Amino acid sequence: MADLGKLLLGFGIVMVVLGCLLLLASQLTGKVPWFGRLPGDIYIERGSWRFYFPLGTSLVVSVVLSLLLWLFARR
């Protein structure tokens, strides 16, 4: 039962961190003009219809997070 409690506490901490990152990202909108507009991001606009898929941005974020997790998991 203690392991389940630790697992739930860990998930809660991760959710709080992700929520803080989302709030920070919303504050940076417009202040970091290249974020979300990298080469490889797909943006299609046809009349009133828009499609946006941040492929390049997703790859950059994935590489950065993978490197950070790899550095912290080495201990």
N, C-alpha and C. Protein backbone atom coordinates (compact mmCIF):
# COMPACT_ATOMS: atom_id res chain seq x y z
N MET A 1 0.82 -1.19 0.00
CA MET A 1 0.00 0.00 0.00
C MET A 1 0.87 1.25 0.00
N ALA A 2 2.03 1.19 0.66
CA ALA A 2 2.92 2.35 0.69
C ALA A 2 3.48 2.63 -0.70
N ASP A 3 3.71 1.58 -1.49
CA ASP A 3 4.22 1.78 -2.85
C ASP A 3 3.19 2.51 -3.72
N LEU A 4 1.93 2.16 -3.55
CA LEU A 4 0.87 2.83 -4.30
C LEU A 4 0.81 4.30 -3.91
N GLY A 5 0.96 4.60 -2.65
CA GLY A 5 0.95 5.99 -2.19
C GLY A 5 2.11 6.78 -2.79
N LYS A 6 3.29 6.17 -2.84
CA LYS A 6 4.44 6.84 -3.45
C LYS A 6 4.23 7.07 -4.94
N LEU A 7 3.63 6.08 -5.59
CA LEU A 7 3.35 6.21 -7.02
C LEU A 7 2.36 7.34 -7.28
N LEU A 8 1.30 7.40 -6.51
CA LEU A 8 0.31 8.46 -6.68
C LEU A 8 0.91 9.83 -6.36
N LEU A 9 1.75 9.91 -5.35
CA LEU A 9 2.42 11.16 -5.02
C LEU A 9 3.34 11.59 -6.16
N GLY A 10 4.05 10.65 -6.74
CA GLY A 10 4.92 10.95 -7.88
C GLY A 10 4.13 11.47 -9.06
N PHE A 11 3.01 10.82 -9.38
CA PHE A 11 2.16 11.28 -10.47
C PHE A 11 1.61 12.68 -10.18
N GLY A 12 1.26 12.93 -8.93
CA GLY A 12 0.76 14.25 -8.56
C GLY A 12 1.81 15.33 -8.76
N ILE A 13 3.04 15.04 -8.38
CA ILE A 13 4.12 16.01 -8.55
C ILE A 13 4.37 16.27 -10.03
N VAL A 14 4.34 15.20 -10.83
CA VAL A 14 4.53 15.36 -12.27
C VAL A 14 3.41 16.23 -12.86
N MET A 15 2.19 16.01 -12.43
CA MET A 15 1.06 16.80 -12.93
C MET A 15 1.20 18.28 -12.55
N VAL A 16 1.66 18.56 -11.34
CA VAL A 16 1.86 19.94 -10.91
C VAL A 16 2.94 20.61 -11.75
N VAL A 17 4.03 19.89 -11.99
CA VAL A 17 5.12 20.44 -12.81
C VAL A 17 4.65 20.71 -14.23
N LEU A 18 3.90 19.77 -14.81
CA LEU A 18 3.38 19.97 -16.16
C LEU A 18 2.41 21.15 -16.21
N GLY A 19 1.58 21.30 -15.20
CA GLY A 19 0.67 22.42 -15.14
C GLY A 19 1.41 23.74 -15.07
N CYS A 20 2.47 23.79 -14.27
CA CYS A 20 3.28 25.01 -14.17
C CYS A 20 3.97 25.32 -15.50
N LEU A 21 4.44 24.28 -16.20
CA LEU A 21 5.07 24.48 -17.50
C LEU A 21 4.06 25.01 -18.52
N LEU A 22 2.84 24.51 -18.48
CA LEU A 22 1.81 25.01 -19.39
C LEU A 22 1.47 26.47 -19.09
N LEU A 23 1.40 26.82 -17.82
CA LEU A 23 1.14 28.22 -17.47
C LEU A 23 2.29 29.11 -17.92
N LEU A 24 3.51 28.64 -17.75
CA LEU A 24 4.68 29.40 -18.19
C LEU A 24 4.69 29.55 -19.71
N ALA A 25 4.34 28.48 -20.41
CA ALA A 25 4.31 28.53 -21.88
C ALA A 25 3.26 29.52 -22.36
N SER A 26 2.13 29.60 -21.67
CA SER A 26 1.10 30.56 -22.09
C SER A 26 1.56 31.98 -21.84
N GLN A 27 2.40 32.20 -20.84
CA GLN A 27 2.94 33.53 -20.58
C GLN A 27 4.00 33.92 -21.61
N LEU A 28 4.68 32.93 -22.18
CA LEU A 28 5.74 33.19 -23.15
C LEU A 28 5.22 33.31 -24.58
N THR A 29 3.94 33.10 -24.79
CA THR A 29 3.38 33.19 -26.13
C THR A 29 3.61 34.59 -26.67
N GLY A 30 4.25 34.66 -27.79
CA GLY A 30 4.57 35.94 -28.39
C GLY A 30 5.92 36.48 -27.97
N LYS A 31 6.45 36.02 -26.85
CA LYS A 31 7.75 36.49 -26.36
C LYS A 31 8.89 35.63 -26.87
N VAL A 32 8.57 34.41 -27.26
CA VAL A 32 9.55 33.51 -27.86
C VAL A 32 9.03 33.20 -29.26
N PRO A 33 9.33 34.06 -30.24
CA PRO A 33 8.66 33.95 -31.54
C PRO A 33 9.01 32.70 -32.34
N TRP A 34 10.16 32.08 -32.07
CA TRP A 34 10.54 30.89 -32.83
C TRP A 34 9.88 29.63 -32.31
N PHE A 35 9.41 29.64 -31.05
CA PHE A 35 8.81 28.44 -30.47
C PHE A 35 7.46 28.19 -31.11
N GLY A 36 7.32 27.04 -31.74
CA GLY A 36 6.08 26.71 -32.42
C GLY A 36 6.10 27.09 -33.88
N ARG A 37 7.20 27.68 -34.34
CA ARG A 37 7.32 28.06 -35.75
C ARG A 37 8.66 27.58 -36.31
N LEU A 38 9.05 26.41 -35.91
CA LEU A 38 10.32 25.85 -36.38
C LEU A 38 10.14 25.21 -37.75
N PRO A 39 11.25 25.05 -38.49
CA PRO A 39 11.15 24.29 -39.74
C PRO A 39 10.68 22.87 -39.43
N GLY A 40 9.76 22.39 -40.20
CA GLY A 40 9.20 21.07 -39.97
C GLY A 40 7.82 21.13 -39.35
N ASP A 41 7.44 22.29 -38.80
CA ASP A 41 6.07 22.45 -38.29
C ASP A 41 5.13 22.58 -39.49
N ILE A 42 4.04 21.88 -39.44
CA ILE A 42 3.10 21.85 -40.56
C ILE A 42 1.95 22.80 -40.25
N TYR A 43 1.73 23.76 -41.16
CA TYR A 43 0.63 24.72 -41.00
C TYR A 43 -0.06 24.86 -42.34
N ILE A 44 -1.33 24.51 -42.37
CA ILE A 44 -2.12 24.60 -43.60
C ILE A 44 -3.34 25.47 -43.31
N GLU A 45 -3.58 26.45 -44.17
CA GLU A 45 -4.74 27.33 -44.01
C GLU A 45 -5.49 27.39 -45.33
N ARG A 46 -6.74 27.02 -45.32
CA ARG A 46 -7.59 27.05 -46.51
C ARG A 46 -8.90 27.74 -46.15
N GLY A 47 -9.01 28.99 -46.49
CA GLY A 47 -10.23 29.73 -46.16
C GLY A 47 -10.39 29.88 -44.66
N SER A 48 -11.48 29.34 -44.13
CA SER A 48 -11.72 29.44 -42.69
C SER A 48 -11.20 28.21 -41.94
N TRP A 49 -10.57 27.28 -42.64
CA TRP A 49 -10.09 26.03 -42.05
C TRP A 49 -8.59 26.12 -41.84
N ARG A 50 -8.12 25.74 -40.64
CA ARG A 50 -6.70 25.76 -40.32
C ARG A 50 -6.28 24.44 -39.70
N PHE A 51 -5.08 24.01 -40.06
CA PHE A 51 -4.51 22.79 -39.48
C PHE A 51 -3.08 23.11 -39.09
N TYR A 52 -2.73 22.81 -37.85
CA TYR A 52 -1.37 23.06 -37.38
C TYR A 52 -0.87 21.83 -36.65
N PHE A 53 0.29 21.32 -37.07
CA PHE A 53 0.91 20.18 -36.41
C PHE A 53 2.37 20.52 -36.15
N PRO A 54 2.75 20.76 -34.89
CA PRO A 54 4.12 21.20 -34.57
C PRO A 54 5.12 20.05 -34.53
N LEU A 55 5.41 19.47 -35.69
CA LEU A 55 6.30 18.33 -35.76
C LEU A 55 7.72 18.70 -35.36
N GLY A 56 8.26 19.78 -35.92
CA GLY A 56 9.62 20.21 -35.59
C GLY A 56 9.76 20.58 -34.13
N THR A 57 8.80 21.33 -33.62
CA THR A 57 8.82 21.74 -32.21
C THR A 57 8.72 20.52 -31.30
N SER A 58 7.89 19.55 -31.66
CA SER A 58 7.75 18.33 -30.86
C SER A 58 9.06 17.56 -30.81
N LEU A 59 9.76 17.49 -31.93
CA LEU A 59 11.03 16.78 -31.95
C LEU A 59 12.07 17.47 -31.08
N VAL A 60 12.12 18.79 -31.13
CA VAL A 60 13.09 19.54 -30.31
C VAL A 60 12.78 19.36 -28.83
N VAL A 61 11.52 19.47 -28.45
CA VAL A 61 11.13 19.29 -27.06
C VAL A 61 11.43 17.86 -26.60
N SER A 62 11.18 16.88 -27.45
CA SER A 62 11.45 15.49 -27.11
C SER A 62 12.94 15.25 -26.88
N VAL A 63 13.79 15.80 -27.74
CA VAL A 63 15.23 15.62 -27.59
C VAL A 63 15.71 16.29 -26.31
N VAL A 64 15.25 17.50 -26.04
CA VAL A 64 15.67 18.21 -24.82
C VAL A 64 15.24 17.46 -23.57
N LEU A 65 13.98 17.01 -23.54
CA LEU A 65 13.51 16.27 -22.37
C LEU A 65 14.23 14.94 -22.22
N SER A 66 14.51 14.27 -23.32
CA SER A 66 15.24 13.00 -23.25
C SER A 66 16.64 13.20 -22.69
N LEU A 67 17.32 14.25 -23.14
CA LEU A 67 18.65 14.54 -22.60
C LEU A 67 18.61 14.88 -21.12
N LEU A 68 17.62 15.67 -20.71
CA LEU A 68 17.51 16.02 -19.29
C LEU A 68 17.22 14.79 -18.44
N LEU A 69 16.30 13.96 -18.89
CA LEU A 69 15.99 12.74 -18.13
C LEU A 69 17.17 11.79 -18.11
N TRP A 70 17.91 11.70 -19.21
CA TRP A 70 19.10 10.85 -19.25
C TRP A 70 20.15 11.34 -18.26
N LEU A 71 20.34 12.66 -18.20
CA LEU A 71 21.32 13.22 -17.26
C LEU A 71 20.93 12.96 -15.80
N PHE A 72 19.67 13.14 -15.48
CA PHE A 72 19.22 12.95 -14.10
C PHE A 72 19.11 11.48 -13.72
N ALA A 73 18.89 10.60 -14.68
CA ALA A 73 18.74 9.17 -14.37
C ALA A 73 20.09 8.47 -14.24
N ARG A 74 21.18 9.13 -14.60
CA ARG A 74 22.50 8.51 -14.54
C ARG A 74 22.97 8.32 -13.12
N ARG A 75 22.44 9.03 -12.18
CA ARG A 75 22.92 8.97 -10.79
C ARG A 75 22.63 7.67 -10.19
